[in-house]
Amino acid sequence: MSTAEEPKKNLLAHLAALARDTIPPMHPAGRPFVLGAAIATLLLRRRWRAAGVLGGIVTAWCAWFFREPVRTTPSREGLAVAPADGTISHIEPAVPPAELGLGDEPMTRISAFLTIFDVHVQRIPLSGKVETIAYRPGKFLSADLDKASEDNERNSMVIRADDGTQVAVVQIAGLVARRIVCSVSEGDVLQAGNTYGLIRFGSRVDLYVPTGSRILVEPGQRTIGGETALAELPRGTHSS
């Protein structure tokens, strides 16, 4: 390679690296949607160019919706981080879903509402072992309603940290969201910030933390999944 070509190669490599850092990867659950939209776009383009342009926009939107950006999770112990991007809608005492077997004592529930514009992958809020996963069918009420936590279709999970602290995280379907994806299993040992699931296409995620936790967010605050610290947990607490 000539000396004149080397700066050009370095520039292209830099631009490629910048593109990788700027454009987030796509969650595997989105691939069938993007592929289907791309095929439909090609077929429409053959018949009507304008329809092909519209199909291209839809294809790009699908790829954007299923994005899975890289996040940097706080490493300090005792923190529960946001399991999802969204807006904090409620912070209140609440009994965890009965199917988790955590008893009748209220924990602190931090609810985040996701619009169709938010990143829709869910992330592990606390490093530890997945003790329980329970799916329950239900209604498809608007996810911003209080009773959505009790009435809507949901997938719930309990995570126990090494010191015995337990938290529960619940994926809740919404008015538009009709599919909950959970890609982990009971017994898995996971790190805070790991991606574990996804909800399509607008939804709610509840995090239950032990009573006595120091809550670090307020209703109306925006959260970044895997990065925003929601609560400082009392050490060695658990529900029975």
C-alpha atoms as a PDB file:
ATOM      1  CA  MET A   1       0.000   0.000   0.000  1.00  0.00           C
ATOM      2  CA  SER A   2       1.276   3.440  -0.939  1.00  0.00           C
ATOM      3  CA  THR A   3       1.843   6.152   1.642  1.00  0.00           C
ATOM      4  CA  ALA A   4      -0.899   8.243   0.008  1.00  0.00           C
ATOM      5  CA  GLU A   5      -3.491   5.456   0.425  1.00  0.00           C
ATOM      6  CA  GLU A   6      -2.815   4.877   4.140  1.00  0.00           C
ATOM      7  CA  PRO A   7      -4.558   8.060   5.438  1.00  0.00           C
ATOM      8  CA  LYS A   8      -7.614   7.182   3.325  1.00  0.00           C
ATOM      9  CA  LYS A   9      -7.740   3.684   4.794  1.00  0.00           C
ATOM     10  CA  ASN A  10      -7.417   5.069   8.327  1.00  0.00           C
ATOM     11  CA  LEU A  11     -10.242   7.526   7.653  1.00  0.00           C
ATOM     12  CA  LEU A  12     -12.532   4.757   6.386  1.00  0.00           C
ATOM     13  CA  ALA A  13     -11.700   2.620   9.423  1.00  0.00           C
ATOM     14  CA  HIS A  14     -12.437   5.564  11.708  1.00  0.00           C
ATOM     15  CA  LEU A  15     -15.782   6.223   9.982  1.00  0.00           C
ATOM     16  CA  ALA A  16     -16.705   2.533  10.247  1.00  0.00           C
ATOM     17  CA  ALA A  17     -15.893   2.519  13.969  1.00  0.00           C
ATOM     18  CA  LEU A  18     -17.874   5.725  14.456  1.00  0.00           C
ATOM     19  CA  ALA A  19     -20.871   4.189  12.678  1.00  0.00           C
ATOM     20  CA  ARG A  20     -20.706   1.094  14.919  1.00  0.00           C
ATOM     21  CA  ASP A  21     -20.631   3.292  18.019  1.00  0.00           C
ATOM     22  CA  THR A  22     -23.456   5.548  16.783  1.00  0.00           C
ATOM     23  CA  ILE A  23     -25.866   3.015  15.297  1.00  0.00           C
ATOM     24  CA  PRO A  24     -26.933   0.536  18.003  1.00  0.00           C
ATOM     25  CA  PRO A  25     -27.151  -3.174  17.183  1.00  0.00           C
ATOM     26  CA  MET A  26     -30.551  -4.823  16.779  1.00  0.00           C
ATOM     27  CA  HIS A  27     -32.127  -7.300  19.191  1.00  0.00           C
ATOM     28  CA  PRO A  28     -32.494 -10.755  17.562  1.00  0.00           C
ATOM     29  CA  ALA A  29     -36.278 -10.667  18.118  1.00  0.00           C
ATOM     30  CA  GLY A  30     -36.499  -7.829  15.619  1.00  0.00           C
ATOM     31  CA  ARG A  31     -34.837  -9.628  12.726  1.00  0.00           C
ATOM     32  CA  PRO A  32     -37.995 -11.360  11.388  1.00  0.00           C
ATOM     33  CA  PHE A  33     -39.840  -8.017  11.385  1.00  0.00           C
ATOM     34  CA  VAL A  34     -37.057  -6.178   9.595  1.00  0.00           C
ATOM     35  CA  LEU A  35     -36.606  -8.995   7.076  1.00  0.00           C
ATOM     36  CA  GLY A  36     -40.357  -9.130   6.395  1.00  0.00           C
ATOM     37  CA  ALA A  37     -40.539  -5.371   5.963  1.00  0.00           C
ATOM     38  CA  ALA A  38     -37.528  -5.403   3.623  1.00  0.00           C
ATOM     39  CA  ILE A  39     -39.064  -8.114   1.422  1.00  0.00           C
ATOM     40  CA  ALA A  40     -42.368  -6.259   1.318  1.00  0.00           C
ATOM     41  CA  THR A  41     -40.496  -3.080   0.356  1.00  0.00           C
ATOM     42  CA  LEU A  42     -38.815  -4.796  -2.592  1.00  0.00           C
ATOM     43  CA  LEU A  43     -42.125  -6.188  -3.827  1.00  0.00           C
ATOM     44  CA  LEU A  44     -43.892  -2.839  -3.465  1.00  0.00           C
ATOM     45  CA  ARG A  45     -41.077  -1.017  -5.222  1.00  0.00           C
ATOM     46  CA  ARG A  46     -41.613  -3.152  -8.320  1.00  0.00           C
ATOM     47  CA  ARG A  47     -45.239  -2.076  -8.529  1.00  0.00           C
ATOM     48  CA  TRP A  48     -45.103   1.506  -7.305  1.00  0.00           C
ATOM     49  CA  ARG A  49     -41.952   3.444  -6.505  1.00  0.00           C
ATOM     50  CA  ALA A  50     -43.635   5.680  -3.917  1.00  0.00           C
ATOM     51  CA  ALA A  51     -44.880   2.632  -2.024  1.00  0.00           C
ATOM     52  CA  GLY A  52     -41.344   1.305  -2.052  1.00  0.00           C
ATOM     53  CA  VAL A  53     -40.114   4.509  -0.421  1.00  0.00           C
ATOM     54  CA  LEU A  54     -42.784   4.173   2.276  1.00  0.00           C
ATOM     55  CA  GLY A  55     -41.806   0.540   2.788  1.00  0.00           C
ATOM     56  CA  GLY A  56     -38.190   1.583   3.188  1.00  0.00           C
ATOM     57  CA  ILE A  57     -39.193   4.021   5.926  1.00  0.00           C
ATOM     58  CA  VAL A  58     -41.162   1.280   7.708  1.00  0.00           C
ATOM     59  CA  THR A  59     -38.188  -1.087   7.433  1.00  0.00           C
ATOM     60  CA  ALA A  60     -35.853   1.516   8.924  1.00  0.00           C
ATOM     61  CA  TRP A  61     -38.341   2.201  11.723  1.00  0.00           C
ATOM     62  CA  CYS A  62     -38.524  -1.518  12.589  1.00  0.00           C
ATOM     63  CA  ALA A  63     -34.729  -1.711  12.796  1.00  0.00           C
ATOM     64  CA  TRP A  64     -34.698   1.404  14.989  1.00  0.00           C
ATOM     65  CA  PHE A  65     -37.491   0.112  17.259  1.00  0.00           C
ATOM     66  CA  PHE A  66     -35.654  -3.128  18.015  1.00  0.00           C
ATOM     67  CA  ARG A  67     -32.362  -1.379  18.771  1.00  0.00           C
ATOM     68  CA  GLU A  68     -30.246  -2.704  21.645  1.00  0.00           C
ATOM     69  CA  PRO A  69     -27.755   0.043  22.529  1.00  0.00           C
ATOM     70  CA  VAL A  70     -24.634  -0.702  24.536  1.00  0.00           C
ATOM     71  CA  ARG A  71     -24.934   0.628  28.071  1.00  0.00           C
ATOM     72  CA  THR A  72     -22.456   1.218  30.907  1.00  0.00           C
ATOM     73  CA  THR A  73     -23.873  -0.103  34.187  1.00  0.00           C
ATOM     74  CA  PRO A  74     -22.776   1.366  37.552  1.00  0.00           C
ATOM     75  CA  SER A  75     -20.443  -1.075  39.298  1.00  0.00           C
ATOM     76  CA  ARG A  76     -21.169   0.020  42.878  1.00  0.00           C
ATOM     77  CA  GLU A  77     -22.706  -2.784  44.930  1.00  0.00           C
ATOM     78  CA  GLY A  78     -26.147  -2.416  46.442  1.00  0.00           C
ATOM     79  CA  LEU A  79     -27.679  -0.502  43.539  1.00  0.00           C
ATOM     80  CA  ALA A  80     -30.764  -1.543  41.597  1.00  0.00           C
ATOM     81  CA  VAL A  81     -30.556  -0.084  38.107  1.00  0.00           C
ATOM     82  CA  ALA A  82     -33.373   0.680  35.697  1.00  0.00           C
ATOM     83  CA  PRO A  83     -34.581  -2.442  33.874  1.00  0.00           C
ATOM     84  CA  ALA A  84     -35.913  -0.315  31.004  1.00  0.00           C
ATOM     85  CA  ASP A  85     -35.801   3.016  29.236  1.00  0.00           C
ATOM     86  CA  GLY A  86     -38.913   5.047  29.974  1.00  0.00           C
ATOM     87  CA  THR A  87     -40.559   7.517  32.310  1.00  0.00           C
ATOM     88  CA  ILE A  88     -41.130   6.824  36.010  1.00  0.00           C
ATOM     89  CA  SER A  89     -44.912   6.807  36.405  1.00  0.00           C
ATOM     90  CA  HIS A  90     -45.426   5.488  39.956  1.00  0.00           C
ATOM     91  CA  ILE A  91     -43.424   4.832  43.115  1.00  0.00           C
ATOM     92  CA  GLU A  92     -45.562   3.153  45.763  1.00  0.00           C
ATOM     93  CA  PRO A  93     -45.839   0.279  48.246  1.00  0.00           C
ATOM     94  CA  ALA A  94     -47.286  -2.815  46.568  1.00  0.00           C
ATOM     95  CA  VAL A  95     -47.428  -6.562  47.067  1.00  0.00           C
ATOM     96  CA  PRO A  96     -45.402  -8.380  44.376  1.00  0.00           C
ATOM     97  CA  PRO A  97     -47.249 -10.630  41.893  1.00  0.00           C
ATOM     98  CA  ALA A  98     -48.666 -13.633  43.745  1.00  0.00           C
ATOM     99  CA  GLU A  99     -47.200 -16.115  41.258  1.00  0.00           C
ATOM    100  CA  LEU A 100     -43.681 -15.215  42.438  1.00  0.00           C
ATOM    101  CA  GLY A 101     -44.287 -16.568  45.929  1.00  0.00           C
ATOM    102  CA  LEU A 102     -42.751 -13.582  47.713  1.00  0.00           C
ATOM    103  CA  GLY A 103     -45.501 -13.368  50.314  1.00  0.00           C
ATOM    104  CA  ASP A 104     -48.055 -10.703  51.197  1.00  0.00           C
ATOM    105  CA  GLU A 105     -45.739  -8.048  52.593  1.00  0.00           C
ATOM    106  CA  PRO A 106     -45.555  -4.929  50.405  1.00  0.00           C
ATOM    107  CA  MET A 107     -42.312  -3.980  48.697  1.00  0.00           C
ATOM    108  CA  THR A 108     -41.585  -0.664  46.985  1.00  0.00           C
ATOM    109  CA  ARG A 109     -42.744  -0.739  43.372  1.00  0.00           C
ATOM    110  CA  ILE A 110     -41.060   1.560  40.839  1.00  0.00           C
ATOM    111  CA  SER A 111     -42.997   1.620  37.572  1.00  0.00           C
ATOM    112  CA  ALA A 112     -41.666   2.869  34.236  1.00  0.00           C
ATOM    113  CA  PHE A 113     -43.895   3.525  31.230  1.00  0.00           C
ATOM    114  CA  LEU A 114     -42.449   2.936  27.761  1.00  0.00           C
ATOM    115  CA  THR A 115     -43.776   4.630  24.636  1.00  0.00           C
ATOM    116  CA  ILE A 116     -43.207   3.252  21.148  1.00  0.00           C
ATOM    117  CA  PHE A 117     -40.273   5.657  20.836  1.00  0.00           C
ATOM    118  CA  ASP A 118     -38.324   4.174  23.757  1.00  0.00           C
ATOM    119  CA  VAL A 119     -35.766   1.378  23.594  1.00  0.00           C
ATOM    120  CA  HIS A 120     -37.832  -1.734  24.297  1.00  0.00           C
ATOM    121  CA  VAL A 121     -35.254  -4.245  25.532  1.00  0.00           C
ATOM    122  CA  GLN A 122     -35.257  -4.992  29.255  1.00  0.00           C
ATOM    123  CA  ARG A 123     -32.131  -5.287  31.380  1.00  0.00           C
ATOM    124  CA  ILE A 124     -31.223  -7.080  34.604  1.00  0.00           C
ATOM    125  CA  PRO A 125     -31.553  -4.601  37.514  1.00  0.00           C
ATOM    126  CA  LEU A 126     -29.303  -6.437  40.001  1.00  0.00           C
ATOM    127  CA  SER A 127     -26.497  -8.946  39.607  1.00  0.00           C
ATOM    128  CA  GLY A 128     -27.518 -12.351  40.921  1.00  0.00           C
ATOM    129  CA  LYS A 129     -29.311 -15.620  40.275  1.00  0.00           C
ATOM    130  CA  VAL A 130     -32.708 -15.899  38.591  1.00  0.00           C
ATOM    131  CA  GLU A 131     -34.787 -17.746  41.177  1.00  0.00           C
ATOM    132  CA  THR A 132     -38.267 -17.630  39.664  1.00  0.00           C
ATOM    133  CA  ILE A 133     -39.846 -16.789  36.310  1.00  0.00           C
ATOM    134  CA  ALA A 134     -43.626 -16.768  36.041  1.00  0.00           C
ATOM    135  CA  TYR A 135     -45.832 -15.832  33.088  1.00  0.00           C
ATOM    136  CA  ARG A 136     -49.470 -14.845  33.596  1.00  0.00           C
ATOM    137  CA  PRO A 137     -51.949 -14.090  30.787  1.00  0.00           C
ATOM    138  CA  GLY A 138     -54.195 -11.074  31.246  1.00  0.00           C
ATOM    139  CA  LYS A 139     -55.747  -7.996  29.717  1.00  0.00           C
ATOM    140  CA  PHE A 140     -54.195  -5.364  27.460  1.00  0.00           C
ATOM    141  CA  LEU A 141     -55.151  -2.162  29.256  1.00  0.00           C
ATOM    142  CA  SER A 142     -53.173   1.007  28.646  1.00  0.00           C
ATOM    143  CA  ALA A 143     -49.855   0.449  30.436  1.00  0.00           C
ATOM    144  CA  ASP A 144     -49.933   3.853  32.137  1.00  0.00           C
ATOM    145  CA  LEU A 145     -52.997   2.918  34.234  1.00  0.00           C
ATOM    146  CA  ASP A 146     -52.508   1.901  37.886  1.00  0.00           C
ATOM    147  CA  LYS A 147     -54.395  -1.370  37.451  1.00  0.00           C
ATOM    148  CA  ALA A 148     -52.207  -2.461  34.527  1.00  0.00           C
ATOM    149  CA  SER A 149     -49.762  -3.947  37.063  1.00  0.00           C
ATOM    150  CA  GLU A 150     -52.478  -6.271  38.388  1.00  0.00           C
ATOM    151  CA  ASP A 151     -54.684  -6.921  35.339  1.00  0.00           C
ATOM    152  CA  ASN A 152     -52.449  -6.991  32.264  1.00  0.00           C
ATOM    153  CA  GLU A 153     -50.534  -9.874  30.736  1.00  0.00           C
ATOM    154  CA  ARG A 154     -47.131 -10.059  32.404  1.00  0.00           C
ATOM    155  CA  ASN A 155     -43.906 -11.960  32.840  1.00  0.00           C
ATOM    156  CA  SER A 156     -42.370 -11.742  36.314  1.00  0.00           C
ATOM    157  CA  MET A 157     -38.932 -12.655  37.600  1.00  0.00           C
ATOM    158  CA  VAL A 158     -37.184 -12.812  40.979  1.00  0.00           C
ATOM    159  CA  ILE A 159     -33.439 -12.180  41.221  1.00  0.00           C
ATOM    160  CA  ARG A 160     -31.429 -12.948  44.365  1.00  0.00           C
ATOM    161  CA  ALA A 161     -28.053 -11.287  44.915  1.00  0.00           C
ATOM    162  CA  ASP A 162     -25.174 -13.101  46.639  1.00  0.00           C
ATOM    163  CA  ASP A 163     -25.992 -11.408  49.953  1.00  0.00           C
ATOM    164  CA  GLY A 164     -29.601 -12.660  49.869  1.00  0.00           C
ATOM    165  CA  THR A 165     -31.227  -9.435  48.697  1.00  0.00           C
ATOM    166  CA  GLN A 166     -34.183 -10.107  46.407  1.00  0.00           C
ATOM    167  CA  VAL A 167     -35.798  -7.905  43.807  1.00  0.00           C
ATOM    168  CA  ALA A 168     -38.591  -8.652  41.353  1.00  0.00           C
ATOM    169  CA  VAL A 169     -38.897  -7.250  37.851  1.00  0.00           C
ATOM    170  CA  VAL A 170     -42.111  -7.508  35.824  1.00  0.00           C
ATOM    171  CA  GLN A 171     -42.613  -7.046  32.088  1.00  0.00           C
ATOM    172  CA  ILE A 172     -46.175  -5.848  31.455  1.00  0.00           C
ATOM    173  CA  ALA A 173     -47.949  -5.793  28.108  1.00  0.00           C
ATOM    174  CA  GLY A 174     -49.850  -2.634  27.167  1.00  0.00           C
ATOM    175  CA  LEU A 175     -52.641  -1.472  24.909  1.00  0.00           C
ATOM    176  CA  VAL A 176     -50.523  -1.974  21.794  1.00  0.00           C
ATOM    177  CA  ALA A 177     -47.895  -4.398  23.093  1.00  0.00           C
ATOM    178  CA  ARG A 178     -49.063  -7.966  22.564  1.00  0.00           C
ATOM    179  CA  ARG A 179     -45.856  -9.965  22.864  1.00  0.00           C
ATOM    180  CA  ILE A 180     -43.479 -10.378  25.800  1.00  0.00           C
ATOM    181  CA  VAL A 181     -40.085 -11.973  25.165  1.00  0.00           C
ATOM    182  CA  CYS A 182     -37.956 -13.353  28.019  1.00  0.00           C
ATOM    183  CA  SER A 183     -34.685 -14.971  26.968  1.00  0.00           C
ATOM    184  CA  VAL A 184     -33.334 -16.159  30.332  1.00  0.00           C
ATOM    185  CA  SER A 185     -34.177 -19.178  32.488  1.00  0.00           C
ATOM    186  CA  GLU A 186     -34.464 -20.022  36.164  1.00  0.00           C
ATOM    187  CA  GLY A 187     -31.042 -20.742  37.609  1.00  0.00           C
ATOM    188  CA  ASP A 188     -29.179 -18.359  35.288  1.00  0.00           C
ATOM    189  CA  VAL A 189     -26.581 -16.145  36.982  1.00  0.00           C
ATOM    190  CA  LEU A 190     -26.617 -12.712  35.359  1.00  0.00           C
ATOM    191  CA  GLN A 191     -24.917  -9.355  35.676  1.00  0.00           C
ATOM    192  CA  ALA A 192     -26.742  -6.074  36.178  1.00  0.00           C
ATOM    193  CA  GLY A 193     -27.280  -4.405  32.825  1.00  0.00           C
ATOM    194  CA  ASN A 194     -27.480  -7.645  30.818  1.00  0.00           C
ATOM    195  CA  THR A 195     -30.326  -7.703  28.315  1.00  0.00           C
ATOM    196  CA  TYR A 196     -32.894 -10.354  29.229  1.00  0.00           C
ATOM    197  CA  GLY A 197     -36.054  -9.602  27.259  1.00  0.00           C
ATOM    198  CA  LEU A 198     -38.182  -7.331  25.131  1.00  0.00           C
ATOM    199  CA  ILE A 199     -41.788  -6.136  24.865  1.00  0.00           C
ATOM    200  CA  ARG A 200     -43.523  -5.130  21.619  1.00  0.00           C
ATOM    201  CA  PHE A 201     -44.703  -2.256  21.060  1.00  0.00           C
ATOM    202  CA  GLY A 202     -45.340   0.047  24.058  1.00  0.00           C
ATOM    203  CA  SER A 203     -45.492  -1.237  27.584  1.00  0.00           C
ATOM    204  CA  ARG A 204     -44.577  -0.999  31.259  1.00  0.00           C
ATOM    205  CA  VAL A 205     -41.877  -2.477  33.495  1.00  0.00           C
ATOM    206  CA  ASP A 206     -42.222  -2.679  37.283  1.00  0.00           C
ATOM    207  CA  LEU A 207     -39.307  -3.126  39.659  1.00  0.00           C
ATOM    208  CA  TYR A 208     -40.025  -4.280  43.224  1.00  0.00           C
ATOM    209  CA  VAL A 209     -37.294  -3.500  45.758  1.00  0.00           C
ATOM    210  CA  PRO A 210     -37.232  -4.250  49.512  1.00  0.00           C
ATOM    211  CA  THR A 211     -38.982  -1.881  51.889  1.00  0.00           C
ATOM    212  CA  GLY A 212     -36.350   0.395  53.385  1.00  0.00           C
ATOM    213  CA  SER A 213     -34.542   0.900  50.090  1.00  0.00           C
ATOM    214  CA  ARG A 214     -33.426   4.448  49.381  1.00  0.00           C
ATOM    215  CA  ILE A 215     -35.265   5.487  46.224  1.00  0.00           C
ATOM    216  CA  LEU A 216     -33.123   7.637  43.929  1.00  0.00           C
ATOM    217  CA  VAL A 217     -35.683   8.701  41.310  1.00  0.00           C
ATOM    218  CA  GLU A 218     -38.926  10.678  41.178  1.00  0.00           C
ATOM    219  CA  PRO A 219     -42.159  10.282  39.168  1.00  0.00           C
ATOM    220  CA  GLY A 220     -41.778  11.964  35.795  1.00  0.00           C
ATOM    221  CA  GLN A 221     -38.036  11.286  35.616  1.00  0.00           C
ATOM    222  CA  ARG A 222     -36.623   9.631  32.504  1.00  0.00           C
ATOM    223  CA  THR A 223     -34.601   6.458  32.971  1.00  0.00           C
ATOM    224  CA  ILE A 224     -31.931   4.781  30.877  1.00  0.00           C
ATOM    225  CA  GLY A 225     -32.113   1.005  31.074  1.00  0.00           C
ATOM    226  CA  GLY A 226     -29.008  -0.549  32.587  1.00  0.00           C
ATOM    227  CA  GLU A 227     -27.566   2.836  33.614  1.00  0.00           C
ATOM    228  CA  THR A 228     -29.958   4.864  35.790  1.00  0.00           C
ATOM    229  CA  ALA A 229     -29.702   3.909  39.483  1.00  0.00           C
ATOM    230  CA  LEU A 230     -33.244   3.530  40.847  1.00  0.00           C
ATOM    231  CA  ALA A 231     -32.563   2.518  44.450  1.00  0.00           C
ATOM    232  CA  GLU A 232     -29.926   1.780  47.062  1.00  0.00           C
ATOM    233  CA  LEU A 233     -30.871  -1.568  48.592  1.00  0.00           C
ATOM    234  CA  PRO A 234     -30.580  -2.550  52.250  1.00  0.00           C
ATOM    235  CA  ARG A 235     -27.972  -5.268  52.443  1.00  0.00           C
ATOM    236  CA  GLY A 236     -28.908  -8.894  53.001  1.00  0.00           C
ATOM    237  CA  THR A 237     -32.665  -8.365  52.930  1.00  0.00           C
ATOM    238  CA  HIS A 238     -35.069 -10.811  51.382  1.00  0.00           C
ATOM    239  CA  SER A 239     -38.750 -11.533  51.123  1.00  0.00           C
ATOM    240  CA  SER A 240     -40.177 -14.791  52.375  1.00  0.00           C
END
